[in-house]
């Protein structure tokens, strides 16, 4: 359907602490007084710390929303009008300012091919060929 779908899972307590520090405001992702305000902060933070290139072209992530899943917050994004993917370049430094030992695990699925990698702070770039 020519849509790139992205989900990002972050431990709730770590994410809330990071958002409090970054935005200097009260953060409650599970019981927000203002869901729209929390959506804006989640979207803003993740989009500043997660960049995606498809076939060497930067793409803009469209925020869909977030939900709680087990001990984490999963936020959802999409990029429309992606006819094919030969190469994905991902820059991910989510929570790097929060934890020196932060680890990110990236899973990709393109046309039935699954590829994964692990990034350990300060390493923030991953590339996948399909």
C-alpha atoms as a PDB file:
ATOM      1  CA  UNK A   1       0.000   0.000   0.000  1.00  0.00           C
ATOM      2  CA  UNK A   2       3.040   2.282  -0.475  1.00  0.00           C
ATOM      3  CA  UNK A   3       3.075   3.259   3.212  1.00  0.00           C
ATOM      4  CA  UNK A   4       6.036   3.033   5.546  1.00  0.00           C
ATOM      5  CA  UNK A   5       4.813   2.265   9.067  1.00  0.00           C
ATOM      6  CA  UNK A   6       7.000   2.971  12.091  1.00  0.00           C
ATOM      7  CA  UNK A   7       6.428   2.159  15.733  1.00  0.00           C
ATOM      8  CA  UNK A   8       8.681   3.184  18.566  1.00  0.00           C
ATOM      9  CA  UNK A   9       8.521   1.520  21.999  1.00  0.00           C
ATOM     10  CA  UNK A  10      10.106   3.292  24.965  1.00  0.00           C
ATOM     11  CA  UNK A  11       9.931   2.297  28.638  1.00  0.00           C
ATOM     12  CA  UNK A  12       7.297   4.545  30.210  1.00  0.00           C
ATOM     13  CA  UNK A  13       9.251   5.669  33.279  1.00  0.00           C
ATOM     14  CA  UNK A  14      12.395   6.512  31.288  1.00  0.00           C
ATOM     15  CA  UNK A  15      10.352   8.321  28.635  1.00  0.00           C
ATOM     16  CA  UNK A  16       8.409  10.386  31.165  1.00  0.00           C
ATOM     17  CA  UNK A  17      11.634  11.437  32.941  1.00  0.00           C
ATOM     18  CA  UNK A  18      13.226  12.390  29.633  1.00  0.00           C
ATOM     19  CA  UNK A  19      10.180  14.399  28.530  1.00  0.00           C
ATOM     20  CA  UNK A  20      10.039  16.206  31.903  1.00  0.00           C
ATOM     21  CA  UNK A  21      13.674  17.193  31.563  1.00  0.00           C
ATOM     22  CA  UNK A  22      13.381  18.190  27.889  1.00  0.00           C
ATOM     23  CA  UNK A  23      10.143  20.177  28.123  1.00  0.00           C
ATOM     24  CA  UNK A  24      10.163  21.342  31.775  1.00  0.00           C
ATOM     25  CA  UNK A  25       6.525  20.452  32.308  1.00  0.00           C
ATOM     26  CA  UNK A  26       4.351  17.869  34.087  1.00  0.00           C
ATOM     27  CA  UNK A  27       4.304  14.612  32.136  1.00  0.00           C
ATOM     28  CA  UNK A  28       1.820  11.786  32.649  1.00  0.00           C
ATOM     29  CA  UNK A  29       1.614   9.589  29.577  1.00  0.00           C
ATOM     30  CA  UNK A  30      -0.708   7.012  31.145  1.00  0.00           C
ATOM     31  CA  UNK A  31      -3.324   9.344  32.671  1.00  0.00           C
ATOM     32  CA  UNK A  32      -2.834  12.626  30.800  1.00  0.00           C
ATOM     33  CA  UNK A  33      -4.985  15.588  31.772  1.00  0.00           C
ATOM     34  CA  UNK A  34      -4.572  16.824  28.190  1.00  0.00           C
ATOM     35  CA  UNK A  35      -4.047  13.975  25.693  1.00  0.00           C
ATOM     36  CA  UNK A  36      -3.446  16.428  22.826  1.00  0.00           C
ATOM     37  CA  UNK A  37      -0.611  18.088  24.754  1.00  0.00           C
ATOM     38  CA  UNK A  38       0.994  14.694  25.479  1.00  0.00           C
ATOM     39  CA  UNK A  39       0.602  13.683  21.805  1.00  0.00           C
ATOM     40  CA  UNK A  40       2.433  16.849  20.793  1.00  0.00           C
ATOM     41  CA  UNK A  41       5.316  16.237  23.214  1.00  0.00           C
ATOM     42  CA  UNK A  42       5.688  12.546  22.297  1.00  0.00           C
ATOM     43  CA  UNK A  43       5.638  13.369  18.584  1.00  0.00           C
ATOM     44  CA  UNK A  44       8.028  16.300  18.920  1.00  0.00           C
ATOM     45  CA  UNK A  45      10.569  14.391  21.006  1.00  0.00           C
ATOM     46  CA  UNK A  46      10.604  11.244  18.866  1.00  0.00           C
ATOM     47  CA  UNK A  47      10.790  13.188  15.596  1.00  0.00           C
ATOM     48  CA  UNK A  48      13.794  15.147  16.918  1.00  0.00           C
ATOM     49  CA  UNK A  49      15.570  11.912  17.841  1.00  0.00           C
ATOM     50  CA  UNK A  50      14.507   9.508  15.072  1.00  0.00           C
ATOM     51  CA  UNK A  51      15.239  10.287  11.438  1.00  0.00           C
ATOM     52  CA  UNK A  52      14.578   7.969   8.535  1.00  0.00           C
ATOM     53  CA  UNK A  53      15.872   8.034   4.981  1.00  0.00           C
ATOM     54  CA  UNK A  54      14.402   5.842   2.271  1.00  0.00           C
ATOM     55  CA  UNK A  55      16.700   5.284  -0.695  1.00  0.00           C
ATOM     56  CA  UNK A  56      18.884   8.241   0.436  1.00  0.00           C
ATOM     57  CA  UNK A  57      15.933  10.646   0.748  1.00  0.00           C
ATOM     58  CA  UNK A  58      14.871  11.994   4.140  1.00  0.00           C
ATOM     59  CA  UNK A  59      11.201  11.345   4.880  1.00  0.00           C
ATOM     60  CA  UNK A  60       8.858  13.185   7.229  1.00  0.00           C
ATOM     61  CA  UNK A  61       7.222  11.008   9.859  1.00  0.00           C
ATOM     62  CA  UNK A  62       3.496  11.619  10.296  1.00  0.00           C
ATOM     63  CA  UNK A  63       2.484  11.053  13.926  1.00  0.00           C
ATOM     64  CA  UNK A  64      -0.525   8.761  14.341  1.00  0.00           C
ATOM     65  CA  UNK A  65      -0.710   8.463  18.135  1.00  0.00           C
ATOM     66  CA  UNK A  66       0.575   6.503  21.097  1.00  0.00           C
ATOM     67  CA  UNK A  67      -0.650   3.839  23.485  1.00  0.00           C
ATOM     68  CA  UNK A  68       0.550   1.933  26.511  1.00  0.00           C
ATOM     69  CA  UNK A  69       1.824  -1.577  25.858  1.00  0.00           C
ATOM     70  CA  UNK A  70       3.039  -3.539  28.882  1.00  0.00           C
ATOM     71  CA  UNK A  71       5.759  -1.424  30.549  1.00  0.00           C
ATOM     72  CA  UNK A  72       6.236   0.858  27.552  1.00  0.00           C
ATOM     73  CA  UNK A  73       4.749   3.581  25.440  1.00  0.00           C
ATOM     74  CA  UNK A  74       4.444   2.735  21.752  1.00  0.00           C
ATOM     75  CA  UNK A  75       4.151   5.679  19.397  1.00  0.00           C
ATOM     76  CA  UNK A  76       3.081   5.218  15.789  1.00  0.00           C
ATOM     77  CA  UNK A  77       4.136   7.059  12.618  1.00  0.00           C
ATOM     78  CA  UNK A  78       3.698   6.636   8.900  1.00  0.00           C
ATOM     79  CA  UNK A  79       5.165   7.911   5.672  1.00  0.00           C
ATOM     80  CA  UNK A  80       2.898   7.848   2.621  1.00  0.00           C
ATOM     81  CA  UNK A  81       3.778   7.427  -1.058  1.00  0.00           C
ATOM     82  CA  UNK A  82       6.750   5.095  -0.643  1.00  0.00           C
ATOM     83  CA  UNK A  83       6.498   2.862  -3.736  1.00  0.00           C
ATOM     84  CA  UNK A  84       9.488   0.670  -2.806  1.00  0.00           C
ATOM     85  CA  UNK A  85      12.359   0.439  -0.349  1.00  0.00           C
ATOM     86  CA  UNK A  86      15.822  -0.627  -1.415  1.00  0.00           C
ATOM     87  CA  UNK A  87      17.672   1.039   1.447  1.00  0.00           C
ATOM     88  CA  UNK A  88      16.713   2.348   4.889  1.00  0.00           C
ATOM     89  CA  UNK A  89      19.006   4.645   6.855  1.00  0.00           C
ATOM     90  CA  UNK A  90      17.958   5.287  10.428  1.00  0.00           C
ATOM     91  CA  UNK A  91      19.359   7.744  12.937  1.00  0.00           C
ATOM     92  CA  UNK A  92      18.102   6.923  16.423  1.00  0.00           C
ATOM     93  CA  UNK A  93      19.362   8.710  19.536  1.00  0.00           C
ATOM     94  CA  UNK A  94      16.209   8.390  21.622  1.00  0.00           C
ATOM     95  CA  UNK A  95      16.997   8.684  25.358  1.00  0.00           C
ATOM     96  CA  UNK A  96      20.727   9.117  24.654  1.00  0.00           C
ATOM     97  CA  UNK A  97      20.724  12.291  26.771  1.00  0.00           C
ATOM     98  CA  UNK A  98      19.014  10.348  29.574  1.00  0.00           C
ATOM     99  CA  UNK A  99      21.258   7.276  29.796  1.00  0.00           C
ATOM    100  CA  UNK A 100      24.890   6.966  28.762  1.00  0.00           C
ATOM    101  CA  UNK A 101      24.386   3.207  28.364  1.00  0.00           C
ATOM    102  CA  UNK A 102      21.159   3.518  26.333  1.00  0.00           C
ATOM    103  CA  UNK A 103      20.551   0.696  23.858  1.00  0.00           C
ATOM    104  CA  UNK A 104      18.131   0.876  20.943  1.00  0.00           C
ATOM    105  CA  UNK A 105      16.968  -2.199  19.079  1.00  0.00           C
ATOM    106  CA  UNK A 106      15.704  -1.649  15.553  1.00  0.00           C
ATOM    107  CA  UNK A 107      13.613  -4.166  13.637  1.00  0.00           C
ATOM    108  CA  UNK A 108      12.722  -3.643   9.981  1.00  0.00           C
ATOM    109  CA  UNK A 109      10.301  -5.558   7.784  1.00  0.00           C
ATOM    110  CA  UNK A 110      10.333  -4.879   4.046  1.00  0.00           C
ATOM    111  CA  UNK A 111       8.574  -7.192   1.595  1.00  0.00           C
ATOM    112  CA  UNK A 112       8.759 -10.087   4.031  1.00  0.00           C
ATOM    113  CA  UNK A 113      12.453  -9.525   4.826  1.00  0.00           C
ATOM    114  CA  UNK A 114      13.176  -8.908   8.497  1.00  0.00           C
ATOM    115  CA  UNK A 115      16.441  -7.287   9.521  1.00  0.00           C
ATOM    116  CA  UNK A 116      17.454  -6.092  12.970  1.00  0.00           C
ATOM    117  CA  UNK A 117      20.316  -4.343  14.681  1.00  0.00           C
ATOM    118  CA  UNK A 118      21.283  -2.902  18.033  1.00  0.00           C
ATOM    119  CA  UNK A 119      22.621   0.592  18.616  1.00  0.00           C
ATOM    120  CA  UNK A 120      24.566   1.381  21.790  1.00  0.00           C
ATOM    121  CA  UNK A 121      25.018   5.024  22.801  1.00  0.00           C
ATOM    122  CA  UNK A 122      26.814   6.934  21.234  1.00  0.00           C
ATOM    123  CA  UNK A 123      26.276   4.826  18.077  1.00  0.00           C
ATOM    124  CA  UNK A 124      23.114   6.213  16.472  1.00  0.00           C
ATOM    125  CA  UNK A 125      23.130   5.229  12.799  1.00  0.00           C
ATOM    126  CA  UNK A 126      21.969   2.032  11.135  1.00  0.00           C
ATOM    127  CA  UNK A 127      21.566   1.114   7.469  1.00  0.00           C
ATOM    128  CA  UNK A 128      19.610  -1.729   5.927  1.00  0.00           C
ATOM    129  CA  UNK A 129      19.624  -2.905   2.308  1.00  0.00           C
ATOM    130  CA  UNK A 130      16.760  -4.827   0.706  1.00  0.00           C
END
